[in-house]
Amino acid sequence: TARFFKERKYFPLQNITKENKDVSLILETRVAHYMEVVPTITHWIPWITVISPAEFKKRIEDTVEGYLEKIRGGKKER
């Protein structure tokens, strides 16, 4: 998966800040709006993890949890 992010910029101003021994990457970007990156992040789940900022990580977690609840027949739409 890391190979794809090395070959193409998926996010605005994408910058690879670290290449780990396990071939994973840490990259950073800057965005003006949440939805600039959400479709790409959700496309790459479970191979991508948001680590910061904390509020954005929480927002992604809430989105994924809401989706899982919905498909499992849990809570109704939010």
PDB file of N, CA and C in Angstrom:
ATOM      1  N   THR A   1       0.815  -1.192   0.000  1.00  0.00           N
ATOM      2  CA  THR A   1       0.000   0.000   0.000  1.00  0.00           C
ATOM      3  C   THR A   1       0.861   1.259   0.000  1.00  0.00           C
ATOM      4  N   ALA A   2       1.939   1.260   0.759  1.00  0.00           N
ATOM      5  CA  ALA A   2       2.815   2.429   0.821  1.00  0.00           C
ATOM      6  C   ALA A   2       3.320   2.806  -0.564  1.00  0.00           C
ATOM      7  N   ARG A   3       3.539   1.817  -1.381  1.00  0.00           N
ATOM      8  CA  ARG A   3       4.037   2.059  -2.743  1.00  0.00           C
ATOM      9  C   ARG A   3       3.139   3.031  -3.493  1.00  0.00           C
ATOM     10  N   PHE A   4       1.819   2.879  -3.336  1.00  0.00           N
ATOM     11  CA  PHE A   4       0.879   3.747  -4.037  1.00  0.00           C
ATOM     12  C   PHE A   4       1.038   5.201  -3.603  1.00  0.00           C
ATOM     13  N   PHE A   5       1.272   5.401  -2.308  1.00  0.00           N
ATOM     14  CA  PHE A   5       1.421   6.762  -1.790  1.00  0.00           C
ATOM     15  C   PHE A   5       2.774   7.360  -2.177  1.00  0.00           C
ATOM     16  N   LYS A   6       3.747   6.506  -2.454  1.00  0.00           N
ATOM     17  CA  LYS A   6       5.040   7.002  -2.910  1.00  0.00           C
ATOM     18  C   LYS A   6       4.984   7.372  -4.403  1.00  0.00           C
ATOM     19  N   GLU A   7       4.134   6.677  -5.142  1.00  0.00           N
ATOM     20  CA  GLU A   7       4.042   6.901  -6.589  1.00  0.00           C
ATOM     21  C   GLU A   7       3.098   8.036  -6.978  1.00  0.00           C
ATOM     22  N   ARG A   8       2.170   8.356  -6.116  1.00  0.00           N
ATOM     23  CA  ARG A   8       1.144   9.335  -6.465  1.00  0.00           C
ATOM     24  C   ARG A   8       0.782  10.165  -5.239  1.00  0.00           C
ATOM     25  N   LYS A   9       0.471  11.424  -5.457  1.00  0.00           N
ATOM     26  CA  LYS A   9      -0.008  12.275  -4.361  1.00  0.00           C
ATOM     27  C   LYS A   9      -1.528  12.143  -4.286  1.00  0.00           C
ATOM     28  N   TYR A  10      -1.988  11.588  -3.162  1.00  0.00           N
ATOM     29  CA  TYR A  10      -3.419  11.405  -2.943  1.00  0.00           C
ATOM     30  C   TYR A  10      -4.039  12.580  -2.203  1.00  0.00           C
ATOM     31  N   PHE A  11      -3.212  13.333  -1.490  1.00  0.00           N
ATOM     32  CA  PHE A  11      -3.695  14.441  -0.680  1.00  0.00           C
ATOM     33  C   PHE A  11      -3.042  15.742  -1.138  1.00  0.00           C
ATOM     34  N   PRO A  12      -3.738  16.862  -0.949  1.00  0.00           N
ATOM     35  CA  PRO A  12      -3.111  18.130  -1.275  1.00  0.00           C
ATOM     36  C   PRO A  12      -1.864  18.334  -0.405  1.00  0.00           C
ATOM     37  N   LEU A  13      -0.815  18.785  -0.995  1.00  0.00           N
ATOM     38  CA  LEU A  13       0.437  19.070  -0.278  1.00  0.00           C
ATOM     39  C   LEU A  13       0.992  17.854   0.478  1.00  0.00           C
ATOM     40  N   GLN A  14       0.724  16.663  -0.032  1.00  0.00           N
ATOM     41  CA  GLN A  14       1.196  15.428   0.604  1.00  0.00           C
ATOM     42  C   GLN A  14       2.716  15.411   0.696  1.00  0.00           C
ATOM     43  N   ASN A  15       3.219  15.043   1.879  1.00  0.00           N
ATOM     44  CA  ASN A  15       4.653  14.963   2.106  1.00  0.00           C
ATOM     45  C   ASN A  15       4.938  13.737   2.963  1.00  0.00           C
ATOM     46  N   ILE A  16       5.758  12.838   2.464  1.00  0.00           N
ATOM     47  CA  ILE A  16       6.145  11.660   3.248  1.00  0.00           C
ATOM     48  C   ILE A  16       7.218  12.096   4.240  1.00  0.00           C
ATOM     49  N   THR A  17       6.902  11.945   5.524  1.00  0.00           N
ATOM     50  CA  THR A  17       7.833  12.393   6.556  1.00  0.00           C
ATOM     51  C   THR A  17       8.673  11.264   7.136  1.00  0.00           C
ATOM     52  N   LYS A  18       8.219  10.009   6.953  1.00  0.00           N
ATOM     53  CA  LYS A  18       8.970   8.882   7.495  1.00  0.00           C
ATOM     54  C   LYS A  18       8.608   7.612   6.737  1.00  0.00           C
ATOM     55  N   GLU A  19       9.626   6.816   6.441  1.00  0.00           N
ATOM     56  CA  GLU A  19       9.427   5.480   5.878  1.00  0.00           C
ATOM     57  C   GLU A  19       9.916   4.489   6.922  1.00  0.00           C
ATOM     58  N   ASN A  20       8.993   3.699   7.437  1.00  0.00           N
ATOM     59  CA  ASN A  20       9.314   2.747   8.509  1.00  0.00           C
ATOM     60  C   ASN A  20       9.880   1.444   7.952  1.00  0.00           C
ATOM     61  N   LYS A  21      10.575   0.693   8.795  1.00  0.00           N
ATOM     62  CA  LYS A  21      11.178  -0.584   8.385  1.00  0.00           C
ATOM     63  C   LYS A  21      10.124  -1.600   7.942  1.00  0.00           C
ATOM     64  N   ASP A  22       8.913  -1.482   8.487  1.00  0.00           N
ATOM     65  CA  ASP A  22       7.835  -2.402   8.108  1.00  0.00           C
ATOM     66  C   ASP A  22       7.168  -1.983   6.795  1.00  0.00           C
ATOM     67  N   VAL A  23       7.769  -1.082   6.073  1.00  0.00           N
ATOM     68  CA  VAL A  23       7.331  -0.486   4.805  1.00  0.00           C
ATOM     69  C   VAL A  23       6.112   0.431   4.924  1.00  0.00           C
ATOM     70  N   SER A  24       5.675   0.713   6.135  1.00  0.00           N
ATOM     71  CA  SER A  24       4.607   1.696   6.294  1.00  0.00           C
ATOM     72  C   SER A  24       5.197   3.095   6.182  1.00  0.00           C
ATOM     73  N   LEU A  25       4.337   4.053   5.952  1.00  0.00           N
ATOM     74  CA  LEU A  25       4.756   5.439   5.793  1.00  0.00           C
ATOM     75  C   LEU A  25       4.031   6.328   6.785  1.00  0.00           C
ATOM     76  N   ILE A  26       4.652   7.418   7.130  1.00  0.00           N
ATOM     77  CA  ILE A  26       3.961   8.499   7.821  1.00  0.00           C
ATOM     78  C   ILE A  26       4.021   9.671   6.867  1.00  0.00           C
ATOM     79  N   LEU A  27       2.855  10.210   6.575  1.00  0.00           N
ATOM     80  CA  LEU A  27       2.827  11.366   5.697  1.00  0.00           C
ATOM     81  C   LEU A  27       1.974  12.447   6.308  1.00  0.00           C
ATOM     82  N   GLU A  28       2.201  13.650   5.857  1.00  0.00           N
ATOM     83  CA  GLU A  28       1.426  14.783   6.349  1.00  0.00           C
ATOM     84  C   GLU A  28       0.904  15.563   5.156  1.00  0.00           C
ATOM     85  N   THR A  29      -0.129  16.319   5.415  1.00  0.00           N
ATOM     86  CA  THR A  29      -0.711  17.180   4.407  1.00  0.00           C
ATOM     87  C   THR A  29      -1.421  18.321   5.102  1.00  0.00           C
ATOM     88  N   ARG A  30      -1.788  19.299   4.353  1.00  0.00           N
ATOM     89  CA  ARG A  30      -2.605  20.400   4.857  1.00  0.00           C
ATOM     90  C   ARG A  30      -3.827  20.486   3.967  1.00  0.00           C
ATOM     91  N   VAL A  31      -4.959  20.726   4.600  1.00  0.00           N
ATOM     92  CA  VAL A  31      -6.196  20.836   3.837  1.00  0.00           C
ATOM     93  C   VAL A  31      -6.997  22.028   4.338  1.00  0.00           C
ATOM     94  N   ALA A  32      -7.851  22.531   3.466  1.00  0.00           N
ATOM     95  CA  ALA A  32      -8.722  23.638   3.851  1.00  0.00           C
ATOM     96  C   ALA A  32     -10.031  23.120   4.429  1.00  0.00           C
ATOM     97  N   HIS A  33     -10.426  21.934   3.995  1.00  0.00           N
ATOM     98  CA  HIS A  33     -11.699  21.373   4.429  1.00  0.00           C
ATOM     99  C   HIS A  33     -11.568  19.861   4.605  1.00  0.00           C
ATOM    100  N   TYR A  34     -12.195  19.355   5.636  1.00  0.00           N
ATOM    101  CA  TYR A  34     -12.246  17.942   5.996  1.00  0.00           C
ATOM    102  C   TYR A  34     -12.512  17.039   4.781  1.00  0.00           C
ATOM    103  N   MET A  35     -13.471  17.425   3.940  1.00  0.00           N
ATOM    104  CA  MET A  35     -13.868  16.564   2.834  1.00  0.00           C
ATOM    105  C   MET A  35     -12.828  16.488   1.712  1.00  0.00           C
ATOM    106  N   GLU A  36     -11.773  17.258   1.792  1.00  0.00           N
ATOM    107  CA  GLU A  36     -10.697  17.131   0.808  1.00  0.00           C
ATOM    108  C   GLU A  36      -9.974  15.797   0.957  1.00  0.00           C
ATOM    109  N   VAL A  37      -9.983  15.234   2.149  1.00  0.00           N
ATOM    110  CA  VAL A  37      -9.234  14.005   2.395  1.00  0.00           C
ATOM    111  C   VAL A  37     -10.086  12.817   2.829  1.00  0.00           C
ATOM    112  N   VAL A  38     -11.283  13.057   3.287  1.00  0.00           N
ATOM    113  CA  VAL A  38     -12.118  11.961   3.794  1.00  0.00           C
ATOM    114  C   VAL A  38     -12.356  10.863   2.759  1.00  0.00           C
ATOM    115  N   PRO A  39     -12.724  11.174   1.526  1.00  0.00           N
ATOM    116  CA  PRO A  39     -12.948  10.082   0.564  1.00  0.00           C
ATOM    117  C   PRO A  39     -11.716   9.198   0.368  1.00  0.00           C
ATOM    118  N   THR A  40     -10.540   9.795   0.331  1.00  0.00           N
ATOM    119  CA  THR A  40      -9.322   9.003   0.169  1.00  0.00           C
ATOM    120  C   THR A  40      -9.052   8.164   1.406  1.00  0.00           C
ATOM    121  N   ILE A  41      -9.230   8.740   2.566  1.00  0.00           N
ATOM    122  CA  ILE A  41      -9.006   7.998   3.813  1.00  0.00           C
ATOM    123  C   ILE A  41      -9.955   6.808   3.892  1.00  0.00           C
ATOM    124  N   THR A  42     -11.232   7.030   3.638  1.00  0.00           N
ATOM    125  CA  THR A  42     -12.186   5.921   3.739  1.00  0.00           C
ATOM    126  C   THR A  42     -11.928   4.869   2.658  1.00  0.00           C
ATOM    127  N   HIS A  43     -11.448   5.282   1.518  1.00  0.00           N
ATOM    128  CA  HIS A  43     -11.107   4.328   0.457  1.00  0.00           C
ATOM    129  C   HIS A  43      -9.999   3.376   0.901  1.00  0.00           C
ATOM    130  N   TRP A  44      -9.040   3.882   1.660  1.00  0.00           N
ATOM    131  CA  TRP A  44      -7.886   3.086   2.051  1.00  0.00           C
ATOM    132  C   TRP A  44      -8.053   2.353   3.381  1.00  0.00           C
ATOM    133  N   ILE A  45      -9.188   2.484   4.045  1.00  0.00           N
ATOM    134  CA  ILE A  45      -9.426   1.707   5.269  1.00  0.00           C
ATOM    135  C   ILE A  45      -9.460   0.234   4.882  1.00  0.00           C
ATOM    136  N   PRO A  46      -8.784  -0.639   5.554  1.00  0.00           N
ATOM    137  CA  PRO A  46      -8.106  -0.556   6.849  1.00  0.00           C
ATOM    138  C   PRO A  46      -6.602  -0.322   6.758  1.00  0.00           C
ATOM    139  N   TRP A  47      -6.092   0.048   5.601  1.00  0.00           N
ATOM    140  CA  TRP A  47      -4.650   0.198   5.429  1.00  0.00           C
ATOM    141  C   TRP A  47      -4.134   1.586   5.771  1.00  0.00           C
ATOM    142  N   ILE A  48      -4.997   2.472   6.206  1.00  0.00           N
ATOM    143  CA  ILE A  48      -4.588   3.828   6.537  1.00  0.00           C
ATOM    144  C   ILE A  48      -5.080   4.165   7.936  1.00  0.00           C
ATOM    145  N   THR A  49      -4.311   4.941   8.663  1.00  0.00           N
ATOM    146  CA  THR A  49      -4.681   5.362  10.009  1.00  0.00           C
ATOM    147  C   THR A  49      -4.402   6.845  10.162  1.00  0.00           C
ATOM    148  N   VAL A  50      -5.382   7.573  10.639  1.00  0.00           N
ATOM    149  CA  VAL A  50      -5.174   8.984  10.952  1.00  0.00           C
ATOM    150  C   VAL A  50      -4.590   9.040  12.354  1.00  0.00           C
ATOM    151  N   ILE A  51      -3.459   9.707  12.508  1.00  0.00           N
ATOM    152  CA  ILE A  51      -2.842   9.781  13.836  1.00  0.00           C
ATOM    153  C   ILE A  51      -2.940  11.167  14.449  1.00  0.00           C
ATOM    154  N   SER A  52      -3.107  12.186  13.631  1.00  0.00           N
ATOM    155  CA  SER A  52      -3.298  13.538  14.162  1.00  0.00           C
ATOM    156  C   SER A  52      -3.800  14.443  13.051  1.00  0.00           C
ATOM    157  N   PRO A  53      -4.423  15.520  13.391  1.00  0.00           N
ATOM    158  CA  PRO A  53      -4.728  16.003  14.735  1.00  0.00           C
ATOM    159  C   PRO A  53      -5.817  15.150  15.384  1.00  0.00           C
ATOM    160  N   ALA A  54      -5.863  15.162  16.693  1.00  0.00           N
ATOM    161  CA  ALA A  54      -6.770  14.314  17.467  1.00  0.00           C
ATOM    162  C   ALA A  54      -8.235  14.524  17.085  1.00  0.00           C
ATOM    163  N   GLU A  55      -8.639  15.760  16.840  1.00  0.00           N
ATOM    164  CA  GLU A  55     -10.037  16.023  16.495  1.00  0.00           C
ATOM    165  C   GLU A  55     -10.407  15.404  15.145  1.00  0.00           C
ATOM    166  N   PHE A  56      -9.467  15.404  14.216  1.00  0.00           N
ATOM    167  CA  PHE A  56      -9.725  14.800  12.914  1.00  0.00           C
ATOM    168  C   PHE A  56      -9.748  13.281  13.033  1.00  0.00           C
ATOM    169  N   LYS A  57      -8.820  12.722  13.810  1.00  0.00           N
ATOM    170  CA  LYS A  57      -8.807  11.281  14.062  1.00  0.00           C
ATOM    171  C   LYS A  57     -10.143  10.840  14.660  1.00  0.00           C
ATOM    172  N   LYS A  58     -10.630  11.591  15.634  1.00  0.00           N
ATOM    173  CA  LYS A  58     -11.910  11.277  16.281  1.00  0.00           C
ATOM    174  C   LYS A  58     -13.058  11.337  15.271  1.00  0.00           C
ATOM    175  N   ARG A  59     -13.017  12.320  14.403  1.00  0.00           N
ATOM    176  CA  ARG A  59     -14.083  12.459  13.404  1.00  0.00           C
ATOM    177  C   ARG A  59     -14.102  11.256  12.452  1.00  0.00           C
ATOM    178  N   ILE A  60     -12.941  10.793  12.037  1.00  0.00           N
ATOM    179  CA  ILE A  60     -12.860   9.601  11.187  1.00  0.00           C
ATOM    180  C   ILE A  60     -13.356   8.376  11.953  1.00  0.00           C
ATOM    181  N   GLU A  61     -12.921   8.219  13.206  1.00  0.00           N
ATOM    182  CA  GLU A  61     -13.380   7.095  14.027  1.00  0.00           C
ATOM    183  C   GLU A  61     -14.894   7.106  14.170  1.00  0.00           C
ATOM    184  N   ASP A  62     -15.482   8.256  14.428  1.00  0.00           N
ATOM    185  CA  ASP A  62     -16.938   8.371  14.565  1.00  0.00           C
ATOM    186  C   ASP A  62     -17.647   8.002  13.270  1.00  0.00           C
ATOM    187  N   THR A  63     -17.080   8.422  12.152  1.00  0.00           N
ATOM    188  CA  THR A  63     -17.667   8.090  10.846  1.00  0.00           C
ATOM    189  C   THR A  63     -17.660   6.590  10.624  1.00  0.00           C
ATOM    190  N   VAL A  64     -16.537   5.955  10.901  1.00  0.00           N
ATOM    191  CA  VAL A  64     -16.419   4.505  10.707  1.00  0.00           C
ATOM    192  C   VAL A  64     -17.338   3.763  11.675  1.00  0.00           C
ATOM    193  N   GLU A  65     -17.354   4.180  12.939  1.00  0.00           N
ATOM    194  CA  GLU A  65     -18.231   3.534  13.920  1.00  0.00           C
ATOM    195  C   GLU A  65     -19.697   3.691  13.532  1.00  0.00           C
ATOM    196  N   GLY A  66     -20.075   4.856  13.047  1.00  0.00           N
ATOM    197  CA  GLY A  66     -21.448   5.076  12.605  1.00  0.00           C
ATOM    198  C   GLY A  66     -21.817   4.162  11.450  1.00  0.00           C
ATOM    199  N   TYR A  67     -20.895   4.001  10.534  1.00  0.00           N
ATOM    200  CA  TYR A  67     -21.125   3.114   9.402  1.00  0.00           C
ATOM    201  C   TYR A  67     -21.291   1.669   9.868  1.00  0.00           C
ATOM    202  N   LEU A  68     -20.407   1.223  10.758  1.00  0.00           N
ATOM    203  CA  LEU A  68     -20.494  -0.148  11.258  1.00  0.00           C
ATOM    204  C   LEU A  68     -21.793  -0.395  12.018  1.00  0.00           C
ATOM    205  N   GLU A  69     -22.211   0.564  12.812  1.00  0.00           N
ATOM    206  CA  GLU A  69     -23.489   0.437  13.523  1.00  0.00           C
ATOM    207  C   GLU A  69     -24.636   0.310  12.524  1.00  0.00           C
ATOM    208  N   LYS A  70     -24.578   1.099  11.492  1.00  0.00           N
ATOM    209  CA  LYS A  70     -25.642   1.089  10.491  1.00  0.00           C
ATOM    210  C   LYS A  70     -25.727  -0.254   9.778  1.00  0.00           C
ATOM    211  N   ILE A  71     -24.581  -0.788   9.338  1.00  0.00           N
ATOM    212  CA  ILE A  71     -24.635  -2.051   8.593  1.00  0.00           C
ATOM    213  C   ILE A  71     -24.888  -3.249   9.491  1.00  0.00           C
ATOM    214  N   ARG A  72     -24.633  -3.099  10.776  1.00  0.00           N
ATOM    215  CA  ARG A  72     -24.897  -4.194  11.709  1.00  0.00           C
ATOM    216  C   ARG A  72     -26.297  -4.128  12.295  1.00  0.00           C
ATOM    217  N   GLY A  73     -27.057  -3.142  11.871  1.00  0.00           N
ATOM    218  CA  GLY A  73     -28.433  -3.019  12.351  1.00  0.00           C
ATOM    219  C   GLY A  73     -28.553  -2.381  13.710  1.00  0.00           C
ATOM    220  N   GLY A  74     -27.532  -1.666  14.141  1.00  0.00           N
ATOM    221  CA  GLY A  74     -27.534  -1.008  15.442  1.00  0.00           C
ATOM    222  C   GLY A  74     -28.353   0.268  15.405  1.00  0.00           C
ATOM    223  N   LYS A  75     -27.738   1.343  15.773  1.00  0.00           N
ATOM    224  CA  LYS A  75     -28.423   2.639  15.828  1.00  0.00           C
ATOM    225  C   LYS A  75     -28.916   3.042  14.454  1.00  0.00           C
ATOM    226  N   LYS A  76     -29.982   3.802  14.469  1.00  0.00           N
ATOM    227  CA  LYS A  76     -30.524   4.342  13.231  1.00  0.00           C
ATOM    228  C   LYS A  76     -29.595   5.437  12.722  1.00  0.00           C
ATOM    229  N   GLU A  77     -29.852   5.898  11.508  1.00  0.00           N
ATOM    230  CA  GLU A  77     -29.015   6.950  10.921  1.00  0.00           C
ATOM    231  C   GLU A  77     -28.895   8.123  11.858  1.00  0.00           C
ATOM    232  N   ARG A  78     -27.750   8.737  11.845  1.00  0.00           N
ATOM    233  CA  ARG A  78     -27.464   9.877  12.718  1.00  0.00           C
ATOM    234  C   ARG A  78     -27.986  11.134  12.110  1.00  0.00           C
TER     235      ARG A  78
END
